[in-house]
Amino acid sequence: MTGLGAANAATATLPREARAAAIEARLRAALVPVALVVIDDSHKHHGHAGAADGRSHFAVRVVSAAFAGLRPIARHRAVY
């Protein structure tokens, strides 16, 4: 399983709402989750280095059979 990090550049220019929706769509397509929550935490990081535009931090909770047998770091890599 490969991570979704390559798609990050494609979402970098999207508006915040569209970015969250794009993240959710990619995760649904790749992992077929039974539960998925994408939370935009960008407001907590506005002005920080690397987040000057205030739209770069998302928390994600994913429950998927694709994670069966994987250690936590492998699960993280599959998402990132």
PDB file of N, CA and C in Angstrom:
ATOM      1  N   MET A   1       0.854  -1.167   0.000  1.00  0.00           N
ATOM      2  CA  MET A   1       0.000   0.000   0.000  1.00  0.00           C
ATOM      3  C   MET A   1       0.900   1.229   0.000  1.00  0.00           C
ATOM      4  N   THR A   2       0.582   2.199  -0.822  1.00  0.00           N
ATOM      5  CA  THR A   2       1.358   3.429  -0.853  1.00  0.00           C
ATOM      6  C   THR A   2       0.584   4.532  -0.169  1.00  0.00           C
ATOM      7  N   GLY A   3       1.303   5.504   0.328  1.00  0.00           N
ATOM      8  CA  GLY A   3       0.662   6.627   0.998  1.00  0.00           C
ATOM      9  C   GLY A   3       0.040   7.586   0.007  1.00  0.00           C
ATOM     10  N   LEU A   4      -0.660   8.552   0.527  1.00  0.00           N
ATOM     11  CA  LEU A   4      -1.363   9.532  -0.292  1.00  0.00           C
ATOM     12  C   LEU A   4      -0.616  10.848  -0.362  1.00  0.00           C
ATOM     13  N   GLY A   5       0.602  10.902   0.119  1.00  0.00           N
ATOM     14  CA  GLY A   5       1.373  12.138   0.181  1.00  0.00           C
ATOM     15  C   GLY A   5       1.573  12.808  -1.153  1.00  0.00           C
ATOM     16  N   ALA A   6       1.668  12.047  -2.228  1.00  0.00           N
ATOM     17  CA  ALA A   6       1.869  12.631  -3.554  1.00  0.00           C
ATOM     18  C   ALA A   6       0.710  13.533  -3.947  1.00  0.00           C
ATOM     19  N   ALA A   7      -0.441  13.294  -3.398  1.00  0.00           N
ATOM     20  CA  ALA A   7      -1.611  14.109  -3.719  1.00  0.00           C
ATOM     21  C   ALA A   7      -1.608  15.434  -2.972  1.00  0.00           C
ATOM     22  N   ASN A   8      -0.742  15.590  -1.975  1.00  0.00           N
ATOM     23  CA  ASN A   8      -0.720  16.809  -1.169  1.00  0.00           C
ATOM     24  C   ASN A   8      -0.485  18.055  -2.000  1.00  0.00           C
ATOM     25  N   ALA A   9       0.429  17.995  -2.953  1.00  0.00           N
ATOM     26  CA  ALA A   9       0.727  19.160  -3.781  1.00  0.00           C
ATOM     27  C   ALA A   9      -0.490  19.588  -4.584  1.00  0.00           C
ATOM     28  N   ALA A  10      -1.281  18.635  -5.007  1.00  0.00           N
ATOM     29  CA  ALA A  10      -2.464  18.947  -5.808  1.00  0.00           C
ATOM     30  C   ALA A  10      -3.526  19.677  -4.997  1.00  0.00           C
ATOM     31  N   THR A  11      -3.563  19.456  -3.698  1.00  0.00           N
ATOM     32  CA  THR A  11      -4.578  20.106  -2.869  1.00  0.00           C
ATOM     33  C   THR A  11      -4.096  21.412  -2.260  1.00  0.00           C
ATOM     34  N   ALA A  12      -2.830  21.729  -2.401  1.00  0.00           N
ATOM     35  CA  ALA A  12      -2.247  22.900  -1.743  1.00  0.00           C
ATOM     36  C   ALA A  12      -2.889  24.214  -2.148  1.00  0.00           C
ATOM     37  N   THR A  13      -3.401  24.308  -3.351  1.00  0.00           N
ATOM     38  CA  THR A  13      -3.972  25.567  -3.819  1.00  0.00           C
ATOM     39  C   THR A  13      -5.490  25.622  -3.690  1.00  0.00           C
ATOM     40  N   LEU A  14      -6.098  24.572  -3.193  1.00  0.00           N
ATOM     41  CA  LEU A  14      -7.551  24.548  -3.054  1.00  0.00           C
ATOM     42  C   LEU A  14      -8.009  25.380  -1.859  1.00  0.00           C
ATOM     43  N   PRO A  15      -9.225  25.937  -1.923  1.00  0.00           N
ATOM     44  CA  PRO A  15      -9.788  26.604  -0.745  1.00  0.00           C
ATOM     45  C   PRO A  15      -9.931  25.590   0.394  1.00  0.00           C
ATOM     46  N   ARG A  16      -9.994  26.065   1.620  1.00  0.00           N
ATOM     47  CA  ARG A  16     -10.014  25.191   2.794  1.00  0.00           C
ATOM     48  C   ARG A  16     -11.107  24.121   2.726  1.00  0.00           C
ATOM     49  N   GLU A  17     -12.328  24.496   2.395  1.00  0.00           N
ATOM     50  CA  GLU A  17     -13.424  23.530   2.355  1.00  0.00           C
ATOM     51  C   GLU A  17     -13.179  22.470   1.289  1.00  0.00           C
ATOM     52  N   ALA A  18     -12.685  22.908   0.139  1.00  0.00           N
ATOM     53  CA  ALA A  18     -12.403  21.971  -0.946  1.00  0.00           C
ATOM     54  C   ALA A  18     -11.235  21.065  -0.582  1.00  0.00           C
ATOM     55  N   ARG A  19     -10.279  21.588   0.155  1.00  0.00           N
ATOM     56  CA  ARG A  19      -9.125  20.784   0.560  1.00  0.00           C
ATOM     57  C   ARG A  19      -9.573  19.655   1.490  1.00  0.00           C
ATOM     58  N   ALA A  20     -10.412  19.954   2.459  1.00  0.00           N
ATOM     59  CA  ALA A  20     -10.921  18.923   3.369  1.00  0.00           C
ATOM     60  C   ALA A  20     -11.713  17.876   2.596  1.00  0.00           C
ATOM     61  N   ALA A  21     -12.526  18.313   1.650  1.00  0.00           N
ATOM     62  CA  ALA A  21     -13.307  17.379   0.838  1.00  0.00           C
ATOM     63  C   ALA A  21     -12.405  16.512  -0.029  1.00  0.00           C
ATOM     64  N   ALA A  22     -11.339  17.089  -0.565  1.00  0.00           N
ATOM     65  CA  ALA A  22     -10.400  16.325  -1.396  1.00  0.00           C
ATOM     66  C   ALA A  22      -9.666  15.284  -0.555  1.00  0.00           C
ATOM     67  N   ILE A  23      -9.272  15.654   0.650  1.00  0.00           N
ATOM     68  CA  ILE A  23      -8.615  14.705   1.554  1.00  0.00           C
ATOM     69  C   ILE A  23      -9.561  13.547   1.851  1.00  0.00           C
ATOM     70  N   GLU A  24     -10.799  13.875   2.175  1.00  0.00           N
ATOM     71  CA  GLU A  24     -11.787  12.839   2.477  1.00  0.00           C
ATOM     72  C   GLU A  24     -12.012  11.927   1.275  1.00  0.00           C
ATOM     73  N   ALA A  25     -12.136  12.491   0.094  1.00  0.00           N
ATOM     74  CA  ALA A  25     -12.368  11.685  -1.110  1.00  0.00           C
ATOM     75  C   ALA A  25     -11.202  10.742  -1.376  1.00  0.00           C
ATOM     76  N   ARG A  26      -9.993  11.236  -1.223  1.00  0.00           N
ATOM     77  CA  ARG A  26      -8.813  10.382  -1.460  1.00  0.00           C
ATOM     78  C   ARG A  26      -8.722   9.251  -0.445  1.00  0.00           C
ATOM     79  N   LEU A  27      -9.007   9.562   0.805  1.00  0.00           N
ATOM     80  CA  LEU A  27      -8.961   8.526   1.834  1.00  0.00           C
ATOM     81  C   LEU A  27     -10.049   7.479   1.606  1.00  0.00           C
ATOM     82  N   ARG A  28     -11.238   7.921   1.231  1.00  0.00           N
ATOM     83  CA  ARG A  28     -12.327   6.976   0.953  1.00  0.00           C
ATOM     84  C   ARG A  28     -11.970   6.062  -0.217  1.00  0.00           C
ATOM     85  N   ALA A  29     -11.396   6.621  -1.262  1.00  0.00           N
ATOM     86  CA  ALA A  29     -11.039   5.831  -2.442  1.00  0.00           C
ATOM     87  C   ALA A  29      -9.918   4.841  -2.142  1.00  0.00           C
ATOM     88  N   ALA A  30      -8.930   5.261  -1.374  1.00  0.00           N
ATOM     89  CA  ALA A  30      -7.756   4.420  -1.136  1.00  0.00           C
ATOM     90  C   ALA A  30      -7.956   3.384  -0.037  1.00  0.00           C
ATOM     91  N   LEU A  31      -8.714   3.727   0.998  1.00  0.00           N
ATOM     92  CA  LEU A  31      -8.791   2.869   2.178  1.00  0.00           C
ATOM     93  C   LEU A  31     -10.161   2.255   2.430  1.00  0.00           C
ATOM     94  N   VAL A  32     -11.180   2.686   1.720  1.00  0.00           N
ATOM     95  CA  VAL A  32     -12.554   2.206   1.886  1.00  0.00           C
ATOM     96  C   VAL A  32     -12.887   2.082   3.384  1.00  0.00           C
ATOM     97  N   PRO A  33     -12.863   3.192   4.087  1.00  0.00           N
ATOM     98  CA  PRO A  33     -13.050   3.152   5.541  1.00  0.00           C
ATOM     99  C   PRO A  33     -14.487   2.855   5.958  1.00  0.00           C
ATOM    100  N   VAL A  34     -14.623   2.247   7.142  1.00  0.00           N
ATOM    101  CA  VAL A  34     -15.944   2.070   7.734  1.00  0.00           C
ATOM    102  C   VAL A  34     -16.293   3.293   8.572  1.00  0.00           C
ATOM    103  N   ALA A  35     -15.276   4.069   8.928  1.00  0.00           N
ATOM    104  CA  ALA A  35     -15.474   5.336   9.634  1.00  0.00           C
ATOM    105  C   ALA A  35     -14.368   6.295   9.209  1.00  0.00           C
ATOM    106  N   LEU A  36     -14.759   7.542   8.957  1.00  0.00           N
ATOM    107  CA  LEU A  36     -13.786   8.553   8.537  1.00  0.00           C
ATOM    108  C   LEU A  36     -14.236   9.920   9.022  1.00  0.00           C
ATOM    109  N   VAL A  37     -13.326  10.616   9.694  1.00  0.00           N
ATOM    110  CA  VAL A  37     -13.578  11.981  10.143  1.00  0.00           C
ATOM    111  C   VAL A  37     -12.369  12.819   9.746  1.00  0.00           C
ATOM    112  N   VAL A  38     -12.615  13.929   9.044  1.00  0.00           N
ATOM    113  CA  VAL A  38     -11.564  14.871   8.680  1.00  0.00           C
ATOM    114  C   VAL A  38     -11.903  16.200   9.349  1.00  0.00           C
ATOM    115  N   ILE A  39     -11.013  16.679  10.205  1.00  0.00           N
ATOM    116  CA  ILE A  39     -11.246  17.919  10.948  1.00  0.00           C
ATOM    117  C   ILE A  39     -10.195  18.941  10.543  1.00  0.00           C
ATOM    118  N   ASP A  40     -10.646  20.113  10.150  1.00  0.00           N
ATOM    119  CA  ASP A  40      -9.746  21.202   9.780  1.00  0.00           C
ATOM    120  C   ASP A  40      -9.308  21.928  11.050  1.00  0.00           C
ATOM    121  N   ASP A  41      -8.047  21.750  11.424  1.00  0.00           N
ATOM    122  CA  ASP A  41      -7.480  22.405  12.603  1.00  0.00           C
ATOM    123  C   ASP A  41      -6.594  23.587  12.225  1.00  0.00           C
ATOM    124  N   SER A  42      -6.710  24.065  11.007  1.00  0.00           N
ATOM    125  CA  SER A  42      -5.834  25.122  10.509  1.00  0.00           C
ATOM    126  C   SER A  42      -5.897  26.387  11.354  1.00  0.00           C
ATOM    127  N   HIS A  43      -7.073  26.704  11.887  1.00  0.00           N
ATOM    128  CA  HIS A  43      -7.215  27.926  12.684  1.00  0.00           C
ATOM    129  C   HIS A  43      -6.303  27.920  13.912  1.00  0.00           C
ATOM    130  N   LYS A  44      -5.915  26.739  14.362  1.00  0.00           N
ATOM    131  CA  LYS A  44      -5.021  26.633  15.517  1.00  0.00           C
ATOM    132  C   LYS A  44      -3.569  26.923  15.153  1.00  0.00           C
ATOM    133  N   HIS A  45      -3.262  26.964  13.859  1.00  0.00           N
ATOM    134  CA  HIS A  45      -1.880  27.099  13.406  1.00  0.00           C
ATOM    135  C   HIS A  45      -1.656  28.325  12.527  1.00  0.00           C
ATOM    136  N   HIS A  46      -2.655  29.176  12.372  1.00  0.00           N
ATOM    137  CA  HIS A  46      -2.546  30.346  11.512  1.00  0.00           C
ATOM    138  C   HIS A  46      -1.357  31.208  11.930  1.00  0.00           C
ATOM    139  N   GLY A  47      -0.527  31.546  10.962  1.00  0.00           N
ATOM    140  CA  GLY A  47       0.633  32.377  11.222  1.00  0.00           C
ATOM    141  C   GLY A  47       1.890  31.615  11.594  1.00  0.00           C
ATOM    142  N   HIS A  48       1.778  30.337  11.886  1.00  0.00           N
ATOM    143  CA  HIS A  48       2.964  29.535  12.204  1.00  0.00           C
ATOM    144  C   HIS A  48       3.800  29.341  10.946  1.00  0.00           C
ATOM    145  N   ALA A  49       5.077  29.109  11.126  1.00  0.00           N
ATOM    146  CA  ALA A  49       5.959  28.844   9.987  1.00  0.00           C
ATOM    147  C   ALA A  49       5.409  27.663   9.199  1.00  0.00           C
ATOM    148  N   GLY A  50       5.313  27.817   7.905  1.00  0.00           N
ATOM    149  CA  GLY A  50       4.794  26.756   7.058  1.00  0.00           C
ATOM    150  C   GLY A  50       3.283  26.728   6.975  1.00  0.00           C
ATOM    151  N   ALA A  51       2.623  27.600   7.719  1.00  0.00           N
ATOM    152  CA  ALA A  51       1.162  27.635   7.706  1.00  0.00           C
ATOM    153  C   ALA A  51       0.669  29.071   7.688  1.00  0.00           C
ATOM    154  N   ALA A  52       1.411  29.931   7.026  1.00  0.00           N
ATOM    155  CA  ALA A  52       1.090  31.358   7.028  1.00  0.00           C
ATOM    156  C   ALA A  52      -0.301  31.652   6.492  1.00  0.00           C
ATOM    157  N   ASP A  53      -0.775  30.829   5.545  1.00  0.00           N
ATOM    158  CA  ASP A  53      -2.102  31.080   4.981  1.00  0.00           C
ATOM    159  C   ASP A  53      -3.211  30.509   5.856  1.00  0.00           C
ATOM    160  N   GLY A  54      -2.844  29.783   6.918  1.00  0.00           N
ATOM    161  CA  GLY A  54      -3.832  29.279   7.858  1.00  0.00           C
ATOM    162  C   GLY A  54      -4.695  28.157   7.332  1.00  0.00           C
ATOM    163  N   ARG A  55      -4.195  27.389   6.394  1.00  0.00           N
ATOM    164  CA  ARG A  55      -5.012  26.290   5.873  1.00  0.00           C
ATOM    165  C   ARG A  55      -4.157  25.067   5.552  1.00  0.00           C
ATOM    166  N   SER A  56      -3.533  24.538   6.576  1.00  0.00           N
ATOM    167  CA  SER A  56      -2.642  23.423   6.302  1.00  0.00           C
ATOM    168  C   SER A  56      -2.658  22.309   7.337  1.00  0.00           C
ATOM    169  N   HIS A  57      -3.505  22.372   8.328  1.00  0.00           N
ATOM    170  CA  HIS A  57      -3.495  21.360   9.376  1.00  0.00           C
ATOM    171  C   HIS A  57      -4.856  20.670   9.471  1.00  0.00           C
ATOM    172  N   PHE A  58      -4.826  19.370   9.294  1.00  0.00           N
ATOM    173  CA  PHE A  58      -6.040  18.574   9.362  1.00  0.00           C
ATOM    174  C   PHE A  58      -5.805  17.383  10.276  1.00  0.00           C
ATOM    175  N   ALA A  59      -6.778  17.071  11.108  1.00  0.00           N
ATOM    176  CA  ALA A  59      -6.753  15.859  11.923  1.00  0.00           C
ATOM    177  C   ALA A  59      -7.656  14.851  11.225  1.00  0.00           C
ATOM    178  N   VAL A  60      -7.216  13.608  11.190  1.00  0.00           N
ATOM    179  CA  VAL A  60      -7.969  12.574  10.483  1.00  0.00           C
ATOM    180  C   VAL A  60      -8.087  11.344  11.367  1.00  0.00           C
ATOM    181  N   ARG A  61      -9.284  10.798  11.445  1.00  0.00           N
ATOM    182  CA  ARG A  61      -9.506   9.516  12.125  1.00  0.00           C
ATOM    183  C   ARG A  61     -10.083   8.574  11.091  1.00  0.00           C
ATOM    184  N   VAL A  62      -9.388   7.453  10.885  1.00  0.00           N
ATOM    185  CA  VAL A  62      -9.789   6.485   9.865  1.00  0.00           C
ATOM    186  C   VAL A  62      -9.869   5.099  10.496  1.00  0.00           C
ATOM    187  N   VAL A  63     -10.974   4.414  10.260  1.00  0.00           N
ATOM    188  CA  VAL A  63     -11.120   3.011  10.645  1.00  0.00           C
ATOM    189  C   VAL A  63     -11.337   2.250   9.351  1.00  0.00           C
ATOM    190  N   SER A  64     -10.409   1.321   9.060  1.00  0.00           N
ATOM    191  CA  SER A  64     -10.470   0.610   7.787  1.00  0.00           C
ATOM    192  C   SER A  64      -9.897  -0.792   7.919  1.00  0.00           C
ATOM    193  N   ALA A  65     -10.486  -1.734   7.204  1.00  0.00           N
ATOM    194  CA  ALA A  65      -9.955  -3.097   7.156  1.00  0.00           C
ATOM    195  C   ALA A  65      -8.579  -3.112   6.498  1.00  0.00           C
ATOM    196  N   ALA A  66      -8.265  -2.085   5.723  1.00  0.00           N
ATOM    197  CA  ALA A  66      -6.957  -1.998   5.066  1.00  0.00           C
ATOM    198  C   ALA A  66      -5.823  -1.910   6.084  1.00  0.00           C
ATOM    199  N   PHE A  67      -6.137  -1.554   7.316  1.00  0.00           N
ATOM    200  CA  PHE A  67      -5.124  -1.436   8.359  1.00  0.00           C
ATOM    201  C   PHE A  67      -4.882  -2.751   9.112  1.00  0.00           C
ATOM    202  N   ALA A  68      -5.684  -3.767   8.833  1.00  0.00           N
ATOM    203  CA  ALA A  68      -5.561  -5.043   9.546  1.00  0.00           C
ATOM    204  C   ALA A  68      -4.144  -5.594   9.415  1.00  0.00           C
ATOM    205  N   GLY A  69      -3.557  -5.932  10.554  1.00  0.00           N
ATOM    206  CA  GLY A  69      -2.227  -6.516  10.564  1.00  0.00           C
ATOM    207  C   GLY A  69      -1.087  -5.520  10.451  1.00  0.00           C
ATOM    208  N   LEU A  70      -1.394  -4.236  10.298  1.00  0.00           N
ATOM    209  CA  LEU A  70      -0.348  -3.219  10.180  1.00  0.00           C
ATOM    210  C   LEU A  70      -0.038  -2.607  11.543  1.00  0.00           C
ATOM    211  N   ARG A  71       1.218  -2.314  11.763  1.00  0.00           N
ATOM    212  CA  ARG A  71       1.617  -1.597  12.971  1.00  0.00           C
ATOM    213  C   ARG A  71       1.211  -0.132  12.819  1.00  0.00           C
ATOM    214  N   PRO A  72       1.118   0.595  13.915  1.00  0.00           N
ATOM    215  CA  PRO A  72       0.686   1.996  13.838  1.00  0.00           C
ATOM    216  C   PRO A  72       1.485   2.848  12.848  1.00  0.00           C
ATOM    217  N   ILE A  73       2.794   2.675  12.790  1.00  0.00           N
ATOM    218  CA  ILE A  73       3.584   3.494  11.862  1.00  0.00           C
ATOM    219  C   ILE A  73       3.241   3.157  10.412  1.00  0.00           C
ATOM    220  N   ALA A  74       2.964   1.903  10.119  1.00  0.00           N
ATOM    221  CA  ALA A  74       2.575   1.512   8.761  1.00  0.00           C
ATOM    222  C   ALA A  74       1.200   2.077   8.417  1.00  0.00           C
ATOM    223  N   ARG A  75       0.321   2.143   9.390  1.00  0.00           N
ATOM    224  CA  ARG A  75      -0.999   2.748   9.174  1.00  0.00           C
ATOM    225  C   ARG A  75      -0.845   4.237   8.857  1.00  0.00           C
ATOM    226  N   HIS A  76       0.002   4.893   9.622  1.00  0.00           N
ATOM    227  CA  HIS A  76       0.248   6.317   9.401  1.00  0.00           C
ATOM    228  C   HIS A  76       0.810   6.545   8.003  1.00  0.00           C
ATOM    229  N   ARG A  77       1.779   5.741   7.612  1.00  0.00           N
ATOM    230  CA  ARG A  77       2.373   5.880   6.279  1.00  0.00           C
ATOM    231  C   ARG A  77       1.352   5.637   5.179  1.00  0.00           C
ATOM    232  N   ALA A  78       0.424   4.726   5.404  1.00  0.00           N
ATOM    233  CA  ALA A  78      -0.602   4.442   4.403  1.00  0.00           C
ATOM    234  C   ALA A  78      -1.506   5.652   4.174  1.00  0.00           C
ATOM    235  N   VAL A  79      -1.714   6.424   5.221  1.00  0.00           N
ATOM    236  CA  VAL A  79      -2.555   7.621   5.108  1.00  0.00           C
ATOM    237  C   VAL A  79      -1.764   8.783   4.551  1.00  0.00           C
ATOM    238  N   TYR A  80      -0.555   8.994   5.069  1.00  0.00           N
ATOM    239  CA  TYR A  80       0.232  10.137   4.646  1.00  0.00           C
ATOM    240  C   TYR A  80       0.711   9.963   3.218  1.00  0.00           C
TER     241      TYR A  80
END
